[in-house]
């Protein structure tokens, strides 16, 4: 980094910022609590009598190998008690199965559910990188098009100035402080490619983390290489598949880390795509901007939305158009903070959710700057659909307690077999949620008895989204 600019940044950038802070993954309103562990098995425990081991294959029939080249195997089992939680009945795994199972009278099959979950956690086949030029016109931005004509003109002037690393933009009295803050904030959040700009708004002025064109070009090259890799992994997938690839990559390749004014050189890019694609250290803005940047390259319409958590700490997430409808995707809160980072730790609670599940429940002050001069940047499009919610698309949505019970046990088994942390399902109504979560201690006892590798079980369930999540430690 340019030392002169770094010193300049240290002197002035930290004085005032666009966001007062950034709520981290632990700042979610759902507090993680430890489930008391015991030894008694619940009545629905399944007695295994026969099992077989087969080689795991991908969708094209190729044998799957791990990072060390070893063949991945899948263990399947049959059970002697037909009244146990699972049966051996083969059932279709289409999108509507779990929503219609009460009407059809079919029973959830443990083998199919475990195989389905394990297939979803198998490392993807490596694909060649896909290089794409970033050439997004600001007039394509949803936020830009919610501005007045005067605000749009100022947005363009700001964008041109920042791309040239200008320190000042002459403005007349028609540009009020409030207008500058609103338009600057809109540009700052909706233009993720500008990773070298600092998050400070003051009428007619700009601050940067870097201004040397050669240094910026070197950083951009690193961003391009990582972005091309991620796009390669998503190549050939539909829009949902691309967003899922981006979401999971961001979560599995980054640790949440707040900007530290006492360590500017190491943390200044935590707000940015450079942090998200290169450094591996980001806070909520970095998660959201990295998602938008990848969506931009993939031709998917998206935006960064800011707000606060229940404690009033600032937060950022995405609103993304998938198959003609808008959805909230919060990759920050799907990547929980752990004292010791776990590379398998990933949840999907906030993937493809409608506003009614989160607005004024976990996400507040939508797209509003709440510190200093308070402004509303723009109203994001309403998110009302549930069609591509992760749990529906991945067949982990259950409409009765028996199916939810069986599926949660299958998810715990699959997580334990794969040594992954999160076992998660979603149910369709609060009554089912309450029934399942009333016996979390029993599920902890059961999986510890079934799998000696499991040393601890904790819960992170959410009554707002009706997600039931148990987290395993080994």
Protein backbone atom coordinates (compact mmCIF):
# COMPACT_ATOMS: atom_id res chain seq x y z
CA UNK A 1 0.00 0.00 0.00
CA UNK A 2 1.15 3.53 -0.74
CA UNK A 3 2.71 4.70 2.55
CA UNK A 4 1.84 8.37 2.02
CA UNK A 5 -1.80 7.58 1.42
CA UNK A 6 -1.82 5.11 4.30
CA UNK A 7 -0.63 7.78 6.70
CA UNK A 8 -3.23 10.18 5.31
CA UNK A 9 -5.92 7.58 5.82
CA UNK A 10 -4.81 6.96 9.38
CA UNK A 11 -5.15 10.63 10.16
CA UNK A 12 -8.61 11.28 8.78
CA UNK A 13 -10.58 8.27 7.63
CA UNK A 14 -11.36 6.87 11.03
CA UNK A 15 -12.83 10.18 12.23
CA UNK A 16 -16.24 9.53 10.69
CA UNK A 17 -17.63 6.68 8.66
CA UNK A 18 -20.71 5.82 6.68
CA UNK A 19 -21.63 3.09 9.15
CA UNK A 20 -21.17 3.31 12.90
CA UNK A 21 -20.06 -0.32 13.03
CA UNK A 22 -21.02 -3.64 11.58
CA UNK A 23 -22.99 -6.31 13.31
CA UNK A 24 -21.12 -9.58 13.26
CA UNK A 25 -22.43 -13.09 13.01
CA UNK A 26 -22.56 -13.50 16.77
CA UNK A 27 -24.68 -10.37 17.03
CA UNK A 28 -27.69 -12.17 15.62
CA UNK A 29 -30.73 -12.05 17.90
CA UNK A 30 -30.61 -15.86 18.19
CA UNK A 31 -28.21 -16.73 21.00
CA UNK A 32 -26.41 -20.04 20.67
CA UNK A 33 -26.90 -22.17 23.80
CA UNK A 34 -25.42 -25.51 24.76
CA UNK A 35 -27.77 -28.50 24.82
CA UNK A 36 -27.38 -30.54 27.98
CA UNK A 37 -25.85 -33.88 27.08
CA UNK A 38 -27.04 -37.22 28.48
CA UNK A 39 -27.10 -40.93 27.80
CA UNK A 40 -30.76 -41.92 27.40
CA UNK A 41 -31.96 -42.66 23.88
CA UNK A 42 -35.41 -41.39 22.85
CA UNK A 43 -38.10 -43.90 21.90
CA UNK A 44 -37.68 -43.10 18.20
CA UNK A 45 -34.05 -44.25 18.13
CA UNK A 46 -33.37 -46.56 15.21
CA UNK A 47 -31.78 -49.98 15.60
CA UNK A 48 -29.34 -50.59 12.75
CA UNK A 49 -29.01 -54.19 11.54
CA UNK A 50 -27.35 -54.02 8.14
CA UNK A 51 -25.22 -51.52 6.27
CA UNK A 52 -23.25 -51.22 3.06
CA UNK A 53 -20.55 -48.91 1.75
CA UNK A 54 -20.60 -47.56 -1.80
CA UNK A 55 -18.42 -45.14 -3.72
CA UNK A 56 -19.81 -41.60 -3.97
CA UNK A 57 -20.41 -40.30 -7.50
CA UNK A 58 -21.28 -36.91 -8.93
CA UNK A 59 -24.22 -36.12 -11.19
CA UNK A 60 -22.34 -37.49 -14.22
CA UNK A 61 -21.47 -40.81 -12.62
CA UNK A 62 -17.82 -39.95 -11.91
CA UNK A 63 -16.31 -41.24 -8.67
CA UNK A 64 -15.79 -38.39 -6.19
CA UNK A 65 -12.42 -38.00 -4.46
CA UNK A 66 -11.34 -35.81 -1.56
CA UNK A 67 -8.55 -33.22 -1.56
CA UNK A 68 -5.95 -35.97 -1.06
CA UNK A 69 -7.23 -38.07 -3.95
CA UNK A 70 -8.96 -40.70 -1.82
CA UNK A 71 -12.28 -42.07 -3.04
CA UNK A 72 -15.26 -40.78 -1.05
CA UNK A 73 -17.64 -43.48 0.22
CA UNK A 74 -21.26 -43.34 1.37
CA UNK A 75 -22.62 -45.66 4.06
CA UNK A 76 -26.26 -46.78 3.77
CA UNK A 77 -28.23 -48.88 6.24
CA UNK A 78 -31.46 -50.84 6.71
CA UNK A 79 -33.34 -51.15 9.99
CA UNK A 80 -35.16 -54.04 11.67
CA UNK A 81 -38.02 -52.07 13.22
CA UNK A 82 -40.53 -50.85 10.59
CA UNK A 83 -42.15 -48.57 13.19
CA UNK A 84 -38.88 -46.72 13.82
CA UNK A 85 -38.35 -43.16 12.73
CA UNK A 86 -37.37 -44.22 9.21
CA UNK A 87 -38.49 -46.87 6.75
CA UNK A 88 -36.94 -48.50 3.71
CA UNK A 89 -39.63 -47.21 1.36
CA UNK A 90 -38.08 -45.55 -1.67
CA UNK A 91 -39.57 -42.11 -2.21
CA UNK A 92 -39.07 -39.45 -4.87
CA UNK A 93 -37.01 -36.42 -3.89
CA UNK A 94 -38.75 -33.80 -6.00
CA UNK A 95 -39.32 -30.20 -4.91
CA UNK A 96 -42.86 -30.84 -3.64
CA UNK A 97 -42.26 -34.10 -1.79
CA UNK A 98 -41.97 -32.76 1.72
CA UNK A 99 -44.87 -30.37 1.26
CA UNK A 100 -47.21 -33.15 0.10
CA UNK A 101 -46.10 -36.11 2.18
CA UNK A 102 -49.02 -35.81 4.63
CA UNK A 103 -51.51 -36.13 1.79
CA UNK A 104 -49.73 -39.06 0.13
CA UNK A 105 -49.07 -40.89 3.39
CA UNK A 106 -45.48 -41.78 2.43
CA UNK A 107 -42.74 -42.06 5.04
CA UNK A 108 -39.42 -40.22 5.00
CA UNK A 109 -36.62 -42.62 4.10
CA UNK A 110 -33.39 -42.22 6.08
CA UNK A 111 -31.13 -43.60 3.37
CA UNK A 112 -32.43 -41.16 0.77
CA UNK A 113 -32.24 -38.17 3.09
CA UNK A 114 -28.71 -38.93 4.28
CA UNK A 115 -27.52 -39.60 0.72
CA UNK A 116 -29.13 -36.36 -0.45
CA UNK A 117 -27.49 -34.35 2.32
CA UNK A 118 -24.09 -35.97 1.82
CA UNK A 119 -24.27 -35.35 -1.91
CA UNK A 120 -24.89 -31.68 -1.18
CA UNK A 121 -21.79 -31.45 1.01
CA UNK A 122 -19.39 -33.27 -1.31
CA UNK A 123 -16.61 -31.03 -2.60
CA UNK A 124 -17.51 -29.70 -6.06
CA UNK A 125 -15.62 -30.89 -9.10
CA UNK A 126 -12.95 -28.35 -9.93
CA UNK A 127 -13.74 -26.36 -13.07
CA UNK A 128 -11.51 -24.04 -15.10
CA UNK A 129 -11.68 -20.32 -14.24
CA UNK A 130 -14.04 -18.07 -16.15
CA UNK A 131 -12.57 -14.63 -16.86
CA UNK A 132 -15.10 -11.87 -17.40
CA UNK A 133 -14.66 -8.15 -17.81
CA UNK A 134 -16.40 -6.03 -15.20
CA UNK A 135 -18.28 -3.45 -17.23
CA UNK A 136 -21.44 -2.63 -15.28
CA UNK A 137 -23.08 0.68 -16.20
CA UNK A 138 -24.40 2.48 -13.12
CA UNK A 139 -27.68 3.13 -14.95
CA UNK A 140 -28.35 -0.61 -14.58
CA UNK A 141 -28.33 -0.34 -10.79
CA UNK A 142 -31.68 -0.61 -9.03
CA UNK A 143 -30.59 1.92 -6.39
CA UNK A 144 -29.40 4.43 -8.95
CA UNK A 145 -32.76 4.32 -10.69
CA UNK A 146 -34.57 5.21 -7.45
CA UNK A 147 -32.76 8.56 -7.29
CA UNK A 148 -33.98 11.91 -8.62
CA UNK A 149 -32.44 13.29 -11.81
CA UNK A 150 -30.21 15.66 -9.82
CA UNK A 151 -29.10 12.82 -7.56
CA UNK A 152 -28.36 10.59 -10.55
CA UNK A 153 -26.14 13.28 -12.04
CA UNK A 154 -24.24 13.66 -8.76
CA UNK A 155 -23.88 9.87 -8.54
CA UNK A 156 -22.22 9.79 -11.98
CA UNK A 157 -19.91 12.66 -11.09
CA UNK A 158 -18.90 10.92 -7.87
CA UNK A 159 -18.31 7.65 -9.70
CA UNK A 160 -16.05 9.29 -12.27
CA UNK A 161 -14.13 11.13 -9.54
CA UNK A 162 -13.54 7.99 -7.47
CA UNK A 163 -12.38 6.00 -10.49
CA UNK A 164 -9.76 8.71 -11.01
CA UNK A 165 -8.95 8.91 -7.29
CA UNK A 166 -9.76 12.61 -7.14
CA UNK A 167 -9.70 14.06 -3.65
CA UNK A 168 -12.30 16.76 -4.33
CA UNK A 169 -15.42 17.30 -6.42
CA UNK A 170 -16.47 20.98 -6.80
CA UNK A 171 -20.13 21.39 -5.80
CA UNK A 172 -22.44 24.40 -5.53
CA UNK A 173 -25.11 25.24 -2.98
CA UNK A 174 -27.66 23.03 -4.74
CA UNK A 175 -25.78 20.03 -3.32
CA UNK A 176 -26.72 19.95 0.36
CA UNK A 177 -24.90 17.90 2.98
CA UNK A 178 -27.89 15.57 3.19
CA UNK A 179 -27.95 15.08 -0.59
CA UNK A 180 -24.23 14.38 -0.68
CA UNK A 181 -24.46 11.82 2.12
CA UNK A 182 -27.43 10.08 0.51
CA UNK A 183 -25.89 9.84 -2.96
CA UNK A 184 -22.43 9.00 -1.67
CA UNK A 185 -23.87 6.26 0.51
CA UNK A 186 -25.83 4.89 -2.41
CA UNK A 187 -22.76 4.85 -4.64
CA UNK A 188 -20.54 3.46 -1.90
CA UNK A 189 -22.81 0.48 -1.28
CA UNK A 190 -23.92 -0.19 -4.86
CA UNK A 191 -20.53 -0.04 -6.60
CA UNK A 192 -18.56 -2.97 -5.12
CA UNK A 193 -15.78 -2.62 -7.68
CA UNK A 194 -14.51 0.53 -5.91
CA UNK A 195 -12.56 -1.37 -3.25
CA UNK A 196 -9.97 1.39 -2.80
CA UNK A 197 -12.42 4.04 -1.55
CA UNK A 198 -12.85 4.65 2.19
CA UNK A 199 -16.23 4.79 3.87
CA UNK A 200 -16.35 8.45 4.82
CA UNK A 201 -18.87 10.96 3.49
CA UNK A 202 -18.11 14.68 3.62
CA UNK A 203 -19.49 17.15 1.10
CA UNK A 204 -17.14 17.66 -1.86
CA UNK A 205 -14.38 15.37 -0.56
CA UNK A 206 -13.18 11.78 -0.94
CA UNK A 207 -10.90 9.50 1.05
CA UNK A 208 -9.14 6.36 -0.16
CA UNK A 209 -7.27 3.34 1.07
CA UNK A 210 -5.07 3.53 -2.03
CA UNK A 211 -4.55 6.02 -4.87
CA UNK A 212 -1.51 4.69 -6.74
CA UNK A 213 -2.87 3.34 -10.09
CA UNK A 214 -0.18 0.66 -10.30
CA UNK A 215 -0.91 -0.55 -6.76
CA UNK A 216 -4.65 -0.63 -7.46
CA UNK A 217 -4.02 -2.57 -10.69
CA UNK A 218 -2.04 -5.20 -8.79
CA UNK A 219 -4.80 -5.59 -6.23
CA UNK A 220 -7.38 -5.79 -9.03
CA UNK A 221 -5.43 -8.58 -10.71
CA UNK A 222 -5.67 -10.62 -7.51
CA UNK A 223 -9.41 -9.93 -7.32
CA UNK A 224 -9.85 -10.96 -10.96
CA UNK A 225 -8.07 -14.28 -10.44
CA UNK A 226 -10.20 -15.26 -7.45
CA UNK A 227 -13.42 -14.05 -9.07
CA UNK A 228 -12.63 -16.09 -12.18
CA UNK A 229 -12.16 -19.18 -10.02
CA UNK A 230 -15.52 -18.74 -8.27
CA UNK A 231 -17.29 -18.05 -11.57
CA UNK A 232 -15.74 -21.22 -12.92
CA UNK A 233 -17.27 -23.26 -10.11
CA UNK A 234 -20.68 -21.76 -10.97
CA UNK A 235 -20.36 -22.20 -14.74
CA UNK A 236 -23.34 -23.95 -16.30
CA UNK A 237 -25.57 -23.66 -13.23
CA UNK A 238 -28.93 -21.89 -13.13
CA UNK A 239 -29.31 -18.62 -11.23
CA UNK A 240 -30.11 -20.36 -7.95
CA UNK A 241 -27.08 -22.61 -8.36
CA UNK A 242 -24.81 -19.66 -9.06
CA UNK A 243 -26.02 -17.75 -5.99
CA UNK A 244 -25.60 -20.84 -3.83
CA UNK A 245 -22.05 -21.31 -5.15
CA UNK A 246 -21.21 -17.66 -4.38
CA UNK A 247 -22.85 -17.79 -0.95
CA UNK A 248 -21.07 -20.97 0.09
CA UNK A 249 -17.70 -19.90 -1.29
CA UNK A 250 -17.82 -16.57 0.56
CA UNK A 251 -18.78 -18.27 3.81
CA UNK A 252 -16.23 -21.06 3.62
CA UNK A 253 -13.29 -18.89 2.51
CA UNK A 254 -13.66 -15.94 4.87
CA UNK A 255 -13.51 -15.18 8.56
CA UNK A 256 -15.49 -12.32 10.05
CA UNK A 257 -13.17 -9.56 11.25
CA UNK A 258 -14.08 -5.99 12.12
CA UNK A 259 -12.14 -3.01 10.84
CA UNK A 260 -9.56 -1.98 13.43
CA UNK A 261 -8.49 1.71 13.41
CA UNK A 262 -5.37 0.70 15.31
CA UNK A 263 -4.45 -1.74 12.55
CA UNK A 264 -5.51 0.03 9.37
CA UNK A 265 -3.03 -1.65 7.04
CA UNK A 266 -4.35 -5.13 7.92
CA UNK A 267 -8.08 -4.40 8.17
CA UNK A 268 -8.93 -1.50 5.84
CA UNK A 269 -10.08 -3.87 3.08
CA UNK A 270 -12.44 -5.76 5.38
CA UNK A 271 -15.27 -3.65 3.93
CA UNK A 272 -14.47 -4.69 0.38
CA UNK A 273 -14.32 -7.29 -2.36
CA UNK A 274 -10.55 -7.42 -1.91
CA UNK A 275 -11.14 -8.62 1.62
CA UNK A 276 -13.79 -11.10 0.46
CA UNK A 277 -11.93 -12.56 -2.51
CA UNK A 278 -8.26 -12.19 -1.57
CA UNK A 279 -7.60 -11.49 2.12
CA UNK A 280 -10.23 -13.83 3.54
CA UNK A 281 -11.12 -11.30 6.24
CA UNK A 282 -14.32 -9.27 5.99
CA UNK A 283 -17.15 -7.75 7.95
CA UNK A 284 -20.76 -7.51 6.78
CA UNK A 285 -20.13 -4.92 4.05
CA UNK A 286 -17.40 -7.14 2.65
CA UNK A 287 -19.71 -10.16 2.54
CA UNK A 288 -22.48 -8.20 0.81
CA UNK A 289 -20.21 -6.41 -1.66
CA UNK A 290 -18.43 -9.62 -2.61
CA UNK A 291 -21.78 -11.26 -3.31
CA UNK A 292 -22.90 -8.32 -5.44
CA UNK A 293 -19.61 -8.23 -7.34
CA UNK A 294 -19.90 -11.91 -8.28
CA UNK A 295 -23.56 -11.40 -9.21
CA UNK A 296 -22.55 -8.47 -11.43
CA UNK A 297 -20.01 -10.63 -13.25
CA UNK A 298 -22.58 -13.41 -13.64
CA UNK A 299 -25.23 -11.03 -15.04
CA UNK A 300 -27.52 -11.41 -12.01
CA UNK A 301 -29.31 -8.30 -10.73
CA UNK A 302 -28.57 -7.65 -7.07
CA UNK A 303 -27.92 -4.88 -4.59
CA UNK A 304 -26.43 -4.25 -1.17
CA UNK A 305 -28.95 -3.29 1.51
CA UNK A 306 -27.96 -1.86 4.86
CA UNK A 307 -29.79 -1.74 8.16
CA UNK A 308 -29.22 -2.66 11.79
CA UNK A 309 -29.60 -5.63 14.06
CA UNK A 310 -31.81 -5.59 17.15
CA UNK A 311 -29.05 -3.87 19.13
CA UNK A 312 -28.80 -1.01 16.65
CA UNK A 313 -25.44 -2.13 15.22
CA UNK A 314 -25.15 -1.55 11.49
CA UNK A 315 -25.45 -4.48 9.14
CA UNK A 316 -25.45 -5.20 5.39
CA UNK A 317 -26.86 -7.98 3.22
CA UNK A 318 -28.11 -8.53 -0.34
CA UNK A 319 -31.37 -8.45 -2.21
CA UNK A 320 -31.06 -10.58 -5.36
CA UNK A 321 -33.37 -11.33 -8.28
CA UNK A 322 -33.71 -15.08 -8.88
CA UNK A 323 -36.09 -16.46 -11.51
CA UNK A 324 -38.03 -13.20 -11.70
CA UNK A 325 -38.52 -12.67 -7.96
CA UNK A 326 -36.51 -10.77 -5.35
CA UNK A 327 -35.03 -12.51 -2.29
CA UNK A 328 -32.96 -11.55 0.75
CA UNK A 329 -29.60 -13.32 1.07
CA UNK A 330 -27.50 -12.66 4.16
CA UNK A 331 -24.17 -14.43 3.77
CA UNK A 332 -22.73 -12.76 6.88
CA UNK A 333 -25.19 -14.29 9.31
CA UNK A 334 -24.99 -17.63 7.50
CA UNK A 335 -21.30 -17.78 8.49
CA UNK A 336 -21.30 -17.78 12.32
CA UNK A 337 -18.33 -16.60 14.34
CA UNK A 338 -16.46 -19.29 16.20
CA UNK A 339 -13.59 -18.89 18.65
CA UNK A 340 -11.72 -21.39 16.50
CA UNK A 341 -12.75 -21.04 12.81
CA UNK A 342 -14.28 -24.20 11.36
CA UNK A 343 -13.86 -24.59 7.58
CA UNK A 344 -17.00 -26.78 7.45
CA UNK A 345 -19.18 -24.27 9.26
CA UNK A 346 -21.95 -22.96 7.05
CA UNK A 347 -25.66 -22.40 7.48
CA UNK A 348 -28.40 -21.34 5.04
CA UNK A 349 -30.95 -19.71 7.33
CA UNK A 350 -30.95 -16.44 5.40
CA UNK A 351 -30.65 -17.78 1.87
CA UNK A 352 -33.58 -16.73 -0.31
CA UNK A 353 -35.91 -15.43 2.38
CA UNK A 354 -38.88 -13.04 2.07
CA UNK A 355 -39.06 -9.76 3.96
CA UNK A 356 -41.71 -11.02 6.37
CA UNK A 357 -39.27 -13.50 7.92
CA UNK A 358 -36.65 -10.88 8.82
CA UNK A 359 -37.87 -7.27 8.52
CA UNK A 360 -38.35 -5.78 11.99
CA UNK A 361 -37.62 -9.22 13.44
CA UNK A 362 -33.87 -9.59 12.97
CA UNK A 363 -33.09 -6.93 10.33
CA UNK A 364 -34.17 -3.37 11.15
CA UNK A 365 -33.98 0.19 9.69
CA UNK A 366 -33.98 -1.09 6.12
CA UNK A 367 -31.55 0.85 3.90
CA UNK A 368 -31.44 3.74 6.35
CA UNK A 369 -28.38 5.51 7.72
CA UNK A 370 -29.09 5.76 11.43
CA UNK A 371 -25.96 7.52 12.71
CA UNK A 372 -25.02 11.17 12.18
CA UNK A 373 -27.11 12.64 9.39
CA UNK A 374 -29.97 10.19 8.97
CA UNK A 375 -30.99 9.44 5.39
CA UNK A 376 -32.94 6.79 3.49
CA UNK A 377 -30.84 5.63 0.56
CA UNK A 378 -33.65 4.02 -1.44
CA UNK A 379 -36.43 1.50 -0.94
CA UNK A 380 -35.27 -1.94 -2.07
CA UNK A 381 -37.77 -4.07 -4.00
CA UNK A 382 -40.19 -6.08 -1.90
CA UNK A 383 -39.19 -9.69 -1.34
CA UNK A 384 -42.38 -11.76 -1.10
CA UNK A 385 -41.62 -15.11 -2.77
CA UNK A 386 -40.37 -18.30 -1.09
CA UNK A 387 -39.79 -20.42 -4.19
CA UNK A 388 -35.98 -20.52 -4.04
CA UNK A 389 -35.59 -20.51 -0.30
CA UNK A 390 -32.65 -22.87 0.31
CA UNK A 391 -34.65 -25.28 2.46
CA UNK A 392 -37.37 -25.64 -0.15
CA UNK A 393 -34.95 -26.04 -3.06
CA UNK A 394 -32.77 -28.52 -1.19
CA UNK A 395 -35.77 -30.59 0.03
CA UNK A 396 -35.23 -29.79 3.69
CA UNK A 397 -38.65 -28.29 4.36
CA UNK A 398 -41.08 -30.40 6.40
CA UNK A 399 -44.82 -30.07 6.97
CA UNK A 400 -45.36 -32.51 9.86
CA UNK A 401 -43.53 -33.43 13.04
CA UNK A 402 -42.75 -37.05 12.12
CA UNK A 403 -41.02 -36.06 8.89
CA UNK A 404 -39.18 -33.23 10.65
CA UNK A 405 -38.01 -35.62 13.37
CA UNK A 406 -36.75 -38.16 10.83
CA UNK A 407 -35.05 -35.50 8.72
CA UNK A 408 -33.30 -33.87 11.67
CA UNK A 409 -31.88 -37.23 12.69
CA UNK A 410 -30.74 -37.83 9.11
CA UNK A 411 -29.13 -34.39 9.00
CA UNK A 412 -27.32 -35.07 12.29
CA UNK A 413 -26.12 -38.44 10.99
CA UNK A 414 -24.88 -36.96 7.72
CA UNK A 415 -23.09 -34.15 9.57
CA UNK A 416 -21.42 -36.61 11.93
CA UNK A 417 -20.37 -38.91 9.08
CA UNK A 418 -18.85 -35.99 7.21
CA UNK A 419 -17.41 -34.31 10.33
CA UNK A 420 -19.27 -31.11 9.44
CA UNK A 421 -20.71 -28.78 12.04
CA UNK A 422 -24.22 -27.78 11.00
CA UNK A 423 -27.34 -29.97 10.81
CA UNK A 424 -30.29 -27.82 9.73
CA UNK A 425 -33.88 -28.26 8.57
CA UNK A 426 -36.88 -25.95 8.29
CA UNK A 427 -40.53 -26.62 9.13
CA UNK A 428 -43.68 -25.03 7.77
CA UNK A 429 -45.38 -23.84 10.95
CA UNK A 430 -44.70 -22.84 14.56
CA UNK A 431 -46.49 -25.83 16.11
CA UNK A 432 -44.07 -28.27 14.43
CA UNK A 433 -41.14 -26.04 15.36
CA UNK A 434 -42.20 -25.98 19.01
CA UNK A 435 -42.67 -29.77 19.14
CA UNK A 436 -39.23 -30.52 17.68
CA UNK A 437 -37.33 -27.89 19.66
CA UNK A 438 -38.95 -29.06 22.91
CA UNK A 439 -36.74 -32.18 22.76
CA UNK A 440 -33.36 -30.81 21.65
CA UNK A 441 -31.75 -32.58 24.60
CA UNK A 442 -33.05 -35.87 23.27
CA UNK A 443 -31.56 -35.25 19.82
CA UNK A 444 -28.20 -34.41 21.45
CA UNK A 445 -28.28 -37.64 23.42
CA UNK A 446 -29.27 -39.66 20.37
CA UNK A 447 -26.54 -38.48 18.00
CA UNK A 448 -23.86 -38.83 20.70
CA UNK A 449 -24.95 -42.43 21.23
CA UNK A 450 -25.06 -43.13 17.51
CA UNK A 451 -21.73 -41.45 16.69
CA UNK A 452 -18.96 -41.60 19.28
CA UNK A 453 -17.03 -38.92 17.36
CA UNK A 454 -19.60 -36.29 18.42
CA UNK A 455 -18.37 -34.66 21.62
CA UNK A 456 -20.88 -31.84 21.95
CA UNK A 457 -24.16 -30.54 20.55
CA UNK A 458 -25.43 -26.96 20.68
CA UNK A 459 -28.59 -25.37 19.33
CA UNK A 460 -29.10 -22.30 17.19
CA UNK A 461 -32.77 -22.48 16.28
CA UNK A 462 -34.78 -19.50 15.04
CA UNK A 463 -38.55 -19.07 15.53
CA UNK A 464 -38.69 -16.28 12.95
CA UNK A 465 -37.53 -18.38 10.01
CA UNK A 466 -38.64 -21.70 11.62
CA UNK A 467 -35.15 -23.09 11.08
CA UNK A 468 -34.06 -25.86 13.44
CA UNK A 469 -30.28 -26.01 13.65
CA UNK A 470 -28.05 -28.21 15.78
CA UNK A 471 -24.29 -27.71 15.69
CA UNK A 472 -21.87 -30.55 16.36
CA UNK A 473 -18.36 -30.53 17.79
CA UNK A 474 -15.92 -33.43 17.57
